[in-house]
Amino acid sequence: MTLQEFTAAGESVGAKAGVLDGLQGYFRCHAPRLHQASERFGLFSNRLGDVLEVGPFYGYMPFMLRPRSSSYTVLEGDDPAVHPLEPLYREQAIALHYVDFFEIFGPTRSATHQLSLPDAHFDTILCWETMEHFNFNPVGFVRELQRVLKPGGRVCVTVPNKASFQNVAGLLSGRGEQALIESYYCFENSVS
């Protein structure tokens, strides 16, 4: 799939769902990176088996990769902005589960640190620029991905490049770093 085909497919999904232009802009902004990562991970050229995708938001990857999978499951935060995609998920037999990642993995006493998914179930797990949004230590989450991954399966994770041109330009113009790595431990260390 070329970048042009990828972009057109995303635009089509957004139009069908009636996605607001601002949210469609999210896809337009990230389409080149999503496409490049998908190519590097071989997602357009390989069978993916049973797929779990964490937090796709408006990246539209579930709709583009569903034909290459046996089953597709999406974990998403319950943000009303995502609700327009629900009919399309149902139409394409994509299982959508709303979860509160902070409640599951955060430092609260009720945190289970376990997703309600079976052991060794997924062949492919995708997490596209999602983990940097967690306001908890992501180690427990990564361990949980390992638990639900089949032996020999693979996890494809991307996070923003802190050394990118945009970030370096921001530092040079005085905007500075938005979040320091220490912030990952802030909540985790506060648990008694």
C-alpha atoms as a PDB file:
ATOM      1  CA  MET A   1       0.000   0.000   0.000  1.00  0.00           C
ATOM      2  CA  THR A   2       1.450   3.331  -1.043  1.00  0.00           C
ATOM      3  CA  LEU A   3       1.297   6.420   1.127  1.00  0.00           C
ATOM      4  CA  GLN A   4      -1.273   7.887  -1.289  1.00  0.00           C
ATOM      5  CA  GLU A   5      -3.479   4.767  -0.991  1.00  0.00           C
ATOM      6  CA  PHE A   6      -3.036   4.786   2.775  1.00  0.00           C
ATOM      7  CA  THR A   7      -4.003   8.455   3.039  1.00  0.00           C
ATOM      8  CA  ALA A   8      -7.005   7.987   0.736  1.00  0.00           C
ATOM      9  CA  ALA A   9      -8.185   4.993   2.792  1.00  0.00           C
ATOM     10  CA  GLY A  10      -7.956   7.032   6.007  1.00  0.00           C
ATOM     11  CA  GLU A  11      -9.796   9.952   4.435  1.00  0.00           C
ATOM     12  CA  SER A  12     -12.513   7.547   3.283  1.00  0.00           C
ATOM     13  CA  VAL A  13     -12.953   6.060   6.769  1.00  0.00           C
ATOM     14  CA  GLY A  14     -13.151   9.539   8.284  1.00  0.00           C
ATOM     15  CA  ALA A  15     -15.750  10.683   5.750  1.00  0.00           C
ATOM     16  CA  LYS A  16     -17.846   7.555   6.275  1.00  0.00           C
ATOM     17  CA  ALA A  17     -17.793   8.057  10.054  1.00  0.00           C
ATOM     18  CA  GLY A  18     -18.534  11.773   9.756  1.00  0.00           C
ATOM     19  CA  VAL A  19     -15.361  12.637  11.647  1.00  0.00           C
ATOM     20  CA  LEU A  20     -14.933  16.310  12.495  1.00  0.00           C
ATOM     21  CA  ASP A  21     -12.215  18.050  10.527  1.00  0.00           C
ATOM     22  CA  GLY A  22     -10.063  18.690  13.589  1.00  0.00           C
ATOM     23  CA  LEU A  23      -9.941  14.990  14.378  1.00  0.00           C
ATOM     24  CA  GLN A  24      -9.414  14.156  10.715  1.00  0.00           C
ATOM     25  CA  GLY A  25      -6.449  16.507  10.946  1.00  0.00           C
ATOM     26  CA  TYR A  26      -4.930  14.107  13.480  1.00  0.00           C
ATOM     27  CA  PHE A  27      -4.831  11.436  10.794  1.00  0.00           C
ATOM     28  CA  ARG A  28      -3.521  13.817   8.136  1.00  0.00           C
ATOM     29  CA  CYS A  29      -0.701  14.906  10.436  1.00  0.00           C
ATOM     30  CA  HIS A  30       0.348  11.387  11.399  1.00  0.00           C
ATOM     31  CA  ALA A  31      -0.359   9.456   8.172  1.00  0.00           C
ATOM     32  CA  PRO A  32       3.221   9.560   6.811  1.00  0.00           C
ATOM     33  CA  ARG A  33       4.678   8.234  10.110  1.00  0.00           C
ATOM     34  CA  LEU A  34       1.975   5.580  10.517  1.00  0.00           C
ATOM     35  CA  HIS A  35       2.501   4.434   6.937  1.00  0.00           C
ATOM     36  CA  GLN A  36       6.285   4.310   7.300  1.00  0.00           C
ATOM     37  CA  ALA A  37       6.117   2.359  10.565  1.00  0.00           C
ATOM     38  CA  SER A  38       3.599  -0.077   9.056  1.00  0.00           C
ATOM     39  CA  GLU A  39       5.925  -0.718   6.138  1.00  0.00           C
ATOM     40  CA  ARG A  40       8.952  -1.211   8.393  1.00  0.00           C
ATOM     41  CA  PHE A  41       7.006  -3.657  10.582  1.00  0.00           C
ATOM     42  CA  GLY A  42       5.813  -5.493   7.433  1.00  0.00           C
ATOM     43  CA  LEU A  43       2.163  -4.982   8.345  1.00  0.00           C
ATOM     44  CA  PHE A  44       1.017  -4.445   4.746  1.00  0.00           C
ATOM     45  CA  SER A  45       2.774  -7.536   3.406  1.00  0.00           C
ATOM     46  CA  ASN A  46       2.249 -10.211   6.082  1.00  0.00           C
ATOM     47  CA  ARG A  47      -0.691 -12.031   7.602  1.00  0.00           C
ATOM     48  CA  LEU A  48      -1.140 -10.643  11.101  1.00  0.00           C
ATOM     49  CA  GLY A  49      -3.235 -13.357  12.775  1.00  0.00           C
ATOM     50  CA  ASP A  50      -5.166 -12.225  15.839  1.00  0.00           C
ATOM     51  CA  VAL A  51      -4.421  -8.529  16.391  1.00  0.00           C
ATOM     52  CA  LEU A  52      -4.705  -6.333  19.477  1.00  0.00           C
ATOM     53  CA  GLU A  53      -4.335  -2.596  18.948  1.00  0.00           C
ATOM     54  CA  VAL A  54      -4.049  -0.263  21.917  1.00  0.00           C
ATOM     55  CA  GLY A  55      -5.382   3.283  21.546  1.00  0.00           C
ATOM     56  CA  PRO A  56      -5.678   3.760  17.774  1.00  0.00           C
ATOM     57  CA  PHE A  57      -7.798   6.934  18.201  1.00  0.00           C
ATOM     58  CA  TYR A  58      -7.974   8.455  14.696  1.00  0.00           C
ATOM     59  CA  GLY A  59      -5.023   6.608  13.164  1.00  0.00           C
ATOM     60  CA  TYR A  60      -7.502   4.322  11.333  1.00  0.00           C
ATOM     61  CA  MET A  61      -5.065   1.401  11.419  1.00  0.00           C
ATOM     62  CA  PRO A  62      -7.707  -1.166  12.469  1.00  0.00           C
ATOM     63  CA  PHE A  63      -9.667  -0.454   9.285  1.00  0.00           C
ATOM     64  CA  MET A  64      -6.592  -0.713   7.076  1.00  0.00           C
ATOM     65  CA  LEU A  65      -5.153  -3.839   8.683  1.00  0.00           C
ATOM     66  CA  ARG A  66      -8.374  -5.777   9.351  1.00  0.00           C
ATOM     67  CA  PRO A  67      -8.213  -7.584   5.954  1.00  0.00           C
ATOM     68  CA  ARG A  68      -4.764  -8.948   6.902  1.00  0.00           C
ATOM     69  CA  SER A  69      -5.918 -10.330  10.272  1.00  0.00           C
ATOM     70  CA  SER A  70      -7.904 -13.300  11.552  1.00  0.00           C
ATOM     71  CA  SER A  71      -9.482 -11.146  14.261  1.00  0.00           C
ATOM     72  CA  TYR A  72      -8.969  -7.594  15.432  1.00  0.00           C
ATOM     73  CA  THR A  73      -9.457  -6.204  18.937  1.00  0.00           C
ATOM     74  CA  VAL A  74      -9.150  -2.541  19.884  1.00  0.00           C
ATOM     75  CA  LEU A  75      -8.607  -1.175  23.397  1.00  0.00           C
ATOM     76  CA  GLU A  76      -9.503   2.493  23.561  1.00  0.00           C
ATOM     77  CA  GLY A  77     -10.109   5.096  26.229  1.00  0.00           C
ATOM     78  CA  ASP A  78     -13.798   5.985  26.489  1.00  0.00           C
ATOM     79  CA  ASP A  79     -13.504   9.382  24.833  1.00  0.00           C
ATOM     80  CA  PRO A  80     -16.733  10.635  23.208  1.00  0.00           C
ATOM     81  CA  ALA A  81     -14.615  11.800  20.271  1.00  0.00           C
ATOM     82  CA  VAL A  82     -14.067   8.139  19.338  1.00  0.00           C
ATOM     83  CA  HIS A  83     -17.750   7.188  19.402  1.00  0.00           C
ATOM     84  CA  PRO A  84     -18.385   8.041  15.694  1.00  0.00           C
ATOM     85  CA  LEU A  85     -16.104   5.129  14.773  1.00  0.00           C
ATOM     86  CA  GLU A  86     -18.193   2.530  16.676  1.00  0.00           C
ATOM     87  CA  PRO A  87     -20.504   1.639  13.734  1.00  0.00           C
ATOM     88  CA  LEU A  88     -17.494   1.125  11.457  1.00  0.00           C
ATOM     89  CA  TYR A  89     -15.812  -1.118  14.024  1.00  0.00           C
ATOM     90  CA  ARG A  90     -18.972  -3.248  14.193  1.00  0.00           C
ATOM     91  CA  GLU A  91     -19.304  -3.296  10.396  1.00  0.00           C
ATOM     92  CA  GLN A  92     -15.764  -4.641  10.002  1.00  0.00           C
ATOM     93  CA  ALA A  93     -16.025  -7.141  12.903  1.00  0.00           C
ATOM     94  CA  ILE A  94     -13.484  -5.257  14.992  1.00  0.00           C
ATOM     95  CA  ALA A  95     -14.028  -5.836  18.710  1.00  0.00           C
ATOM     96  CA  LEU A  96     -13.931  -2.494  20.531  1.00  0.00           C
ATOM     97  CA  HIS A  97     -13.372  -2.408  24.295  1.00  0.00           C
ATOM     98  CA  TYR A  98     -13.317   0.834  26.236  1.00  0.00           C
ATOM     99  CA  VAL A  99     -10.861   0.699  29.112  1.00  0.00           C
ATOM    100  CA  ASP A 100      -9.530   3.109  31.698  1.00  0.00           C
ATOM    101  CA  PHE A 101      -5.801   2.407  31.546  1.00  0.00           C
ATOM    102  CA  PHE A 102      -5.104   4.491  34.636  1.00  0.00           C
ATOM    103  CA  GLU A 103      -7.624   2.501  36.699  1.00  0.00           C
ATOM    104  CA  ILE A 104      -6.104  -0.774  35.501  1.00  0.00           C
ATOM    105  CA  PHE A 105      -2.406   0.136  35.648  1.00  0.00           C
ATOM    106  CA  GLY A 106      -2.219   3.199  37.858  1.00  0.00           C
ATOM    107  CA  PRO A 107      -1.112   3.293  41.472  1.00  0.00           C
ATOM    108  CA  THR A 108      -4.640   3.148  42.877  1.00  0.00           C
ATOM    109  CA  ARG A 109      -5.354   0.426  45.407  1.00  0.00           C
ATOM    110  CA  SER A 110      -7.971  -1.027  43.066  1.00  0.00           C
ATOM    111  CA  ALA A 111      -5.524  -1.309  40.140  1.00  0.00           C
ATOM    112  CA  THR A 112      -5.465  -4.898  38.921  1.00  0.00           C
ATOM    113  CA  HIS A 113      -2.557  -4.454  36.507  1.00  0.00           C
ATOM    114  CA  GLN A 114      -4.330  -6.962  34.288  1.00  0.00           C
ATOM    115  CA  LEU A 115      -6.346  -6.533  31.127  1.00  0.00           C
ATOM    116  CA  SER A 116      -9.493  -8.611  30.821  1.00  0.00           C
ATOM    117  CA  LEU A 117      -7.984 -10.558  27.926  1.00  0.00           C
ATOM    118  CA  PRO A 118      -6.932 -14.215  27.793  1.00  0.00           C
ATOM    119  CA  ASP A 119      -3.323 -15.395  28.078  1.00  0.00           C
ATOM    120  CA  ALA A 120      -1.337 -16.008  24.887  1.00  0.00           C
ATOM    121  CA  HIS A 121      -4.170 -14.901  22.617  1.00  0.00           C
ATOM    122  CA  PHE A 122      -2.718 -12.390  20.129  1.00  0.00           C
ATOM    123  CA  ASP A 123      -0.217 -12.905  17.295  1.00  0.00           C
ATOM    124  CA  THR A 124       0.337  -9.174  16.755  1.00  0.00           C
ATOM    125  CA  ILE A 125       0.022  -6.295  19.215  1.00  0.00           C
ATOM    126  CA  LEU A 126       0.161  -2.695  18.008  1.00  0.00           C
ATOM    127  CA  CYS A 127       0.641   0.364  20.178  1.00  0.00           C
ATOM    128  CA  TRP A 128       1.058   3.479  18.031  1.00  0.00           C
ATOM    129  CA  GLU A 129       2.217   6.562  19.933  1.00  0.00           C
ATOM    130  CA  THR A 130       0.008   5.755  22.898  1.00  0.00           C
ATOM    131  CA  MET A 131       2.333   4.879  25.782  1.00  0.00           C
ATOM    132  CA  GLU A 132       3.651   8.432  26.117  1.00  0.00           C
ATOM    133  CA  HIS A 133       0.128   9.492  27.129  1.00  0.00           C
ATOM    134  CA  PHE A 134       0.063   7.165  30.137  1.00  0.00           C
ATOM    135  CA  ASN A 135       0.394   9.007  33.427  1.00  0.00           C
ATOM    136  CA  PHE A 136       1.667   5.887  35.140  1.00  0.00           C
ATOM    137  CA  ASN A 137       4.772   3.748  34.913  1.00  0.00           C
ATOM    138  CA  PRO A 138       4.303   1.707  31.711  1.00  0.00           C
ATOM    139  CA  VAL A 139       6.309  -1.332  32.894  1.00  0.00           C
ATOM    140  CA  GLY A 140       3.240  -3.196  34.192  1.00  0.00           C
ATOM    141  CA  PHE A 141       1.436  -2.468  30.934  1.00  0.00           C
ATOM    142  CA  VAL A 142       4.321  -3.881  28.875  1.00  0.00           C
ATOM    143  CA  ARG A 143       4.362  -7.014  31.047  1.00  0.00           C
ATOM    144  CA  GLU A 144       0.642  -7.380  30.431  1.00  0.00           C
ATOM    145  CA  LEU A 145       1.180  -7.155  26.664  1.00  0.00           C
ATOM    146  CA  GLN A 146       3.687  -9.974  27.009  1.00  0.00           C
ATOM    147  CA  ARG A 147       1.110 -12.070  28.889  1.00  0.00           C
ATOM    148  CA  VAL A 148      -1.555 -11.754  26.174  1.00  0.00           C
ATOM    149  CA  LEU A 149       0.934 -12.298  23.318  1.00  0.00           C
ATOM    150  CA  LYS A 150       1.175 -15.791  21.806  1.00  0.00           C
ATOM    151  CA  PRO A 151       4.604 -17.445  21.872  1.00  0.00           C
ATOM    152  CA  GLY A 152       6.432 -16.281  18.757  1.00  0.00           C
ATOM    153  CA  GLY A 153       4.110 -13.288  18.373  1.00  0.00           C
ATOM    154  CA  ARG A 154       5.299  -9.738  18.008  1.00  0.00           C
ATOM    155  CA  VAL A 155       4.617  -6.377  19.584  1.00  0.00           C
ATOM    156  CA  CYS A 156       5.013  -3.257  17.453  1.00  0.00           C
ATOM    157  CA  VAL A 157       5.359  -0.091  19.532  1.00  0.00           C
ATOM    158  CA  THR A 158       6.113   3.435  18.413  1.00  0.00           C
ATOM    159  CA  VAL A 159       6.623   6.506  20.577  1.00  0.00           C
ATOM    160  CA  PRO A 160       7.480  10.055  19.484  1.00  0.00           C
ATOM    161  CA  ASN A 161      11.114  10.705  18.685  1.00  0.00           C
ATOM    162  CA  LYS A 162      12.443  13.107  21.319  1.00  0.00           C
ATOM    163  CA  ALA A 163      15.379  13.903  19.003  1.00  0.00           C
ATOM    164  CA  SER A 164      13.158  14.813  16.039  1.00  0.00           C
ATOM    165  CA  PHE A 165      13.660  18.060  14.186  1.00  0.00           C
ATOM    166  CA  GLN A 166      10.445  19.485  15.684  1.00  0.00           C
ATOM    167  CA  ASN A 167      11.552  18.761  19.253  1.00  0.00           C
ATOM    168  CA  VAL A 168      15.068  20.064  18.703  1.00  0.00           C
ATOM    169  CA  ALA A 169      13.659  23.218  17.083  1.00  0.00           C
ATOM    170  CA  GLY A 170      11.344  23.627  20.081  1.00  0.00           C
ATOM    171  CA  LEU A 171      14.270  23.386  22.470  1.00  0.00           C
ATOM    172  CA  LEU A 172      16.266  25.903  20.446  1.00  0.00           C
ATOM    173  CA  SER A 173      13.322  28.318  20.419  1.00  0.00           C
ATOM    174  CA  GLY A 174      12.929  28.068  24.187  1.00  0.00           C
ATOM    175  CA  ARG A 175       9.818  25.864  24.348  1.00  0.00           C
ATOM    176  CA  GLY A 176      11.683  23.121  26.190  1.00  0.00           C
ATOM    177  CA  GLU A 177      10.750  19.546  26.938  1.00  0.00           C
ATOM    178  CA  GLN A 178       7.057  18.892  27.620  1.00  0.00           C
ATOM    179  CA  ALA A 179       7.418  15.869  29.928  1.00  0.00           C
ATOM    180  CA  LEU A 180      10.473  14.477  31.628  1.00  0.00           C
ATOM    181  CA  ILE A 181      11.006  10.746  32.116  1.00  0.00           C
ATOM    182  CA  GLU A 182      10.801  11.282  35.879  1.00  0.00           C
ATOM    183  CA  SER A 183       7.092  12.040  35.443  1.00  0.00           C
ATOM    184  CA  TYR A 184       6.522   8.352  34.655  1.00  0.00           C
ATOM    185  CA  TYR A 185       7.560   7.508  38.211  1.00  0.00           C
ATOM    186  CA  CYS A 186       5.737  10.326  39.964  1.00  0.00           C
ATOM    187  CA  PHE A 187       2.486   8.398  40.433  1.00  0.00           C
ATOM    188  CA  GLU A 188       4.110   4.990  40.849  1.00  0.00           C
ATOM    189  CA  ASN A 189       6.331   6.174  43.685  1.00  0.00           C
ATOM    190  CA  SER A 190       3.426   7.795  45.527  1.00  0.00           C
ATOM    191  CA  VAL A 191       1.792   4.439  46.308  1.00  0.00           C
ATOM    192  CA  SER A 192       2.265   3.402  49.912  1.00  0.00           C
END
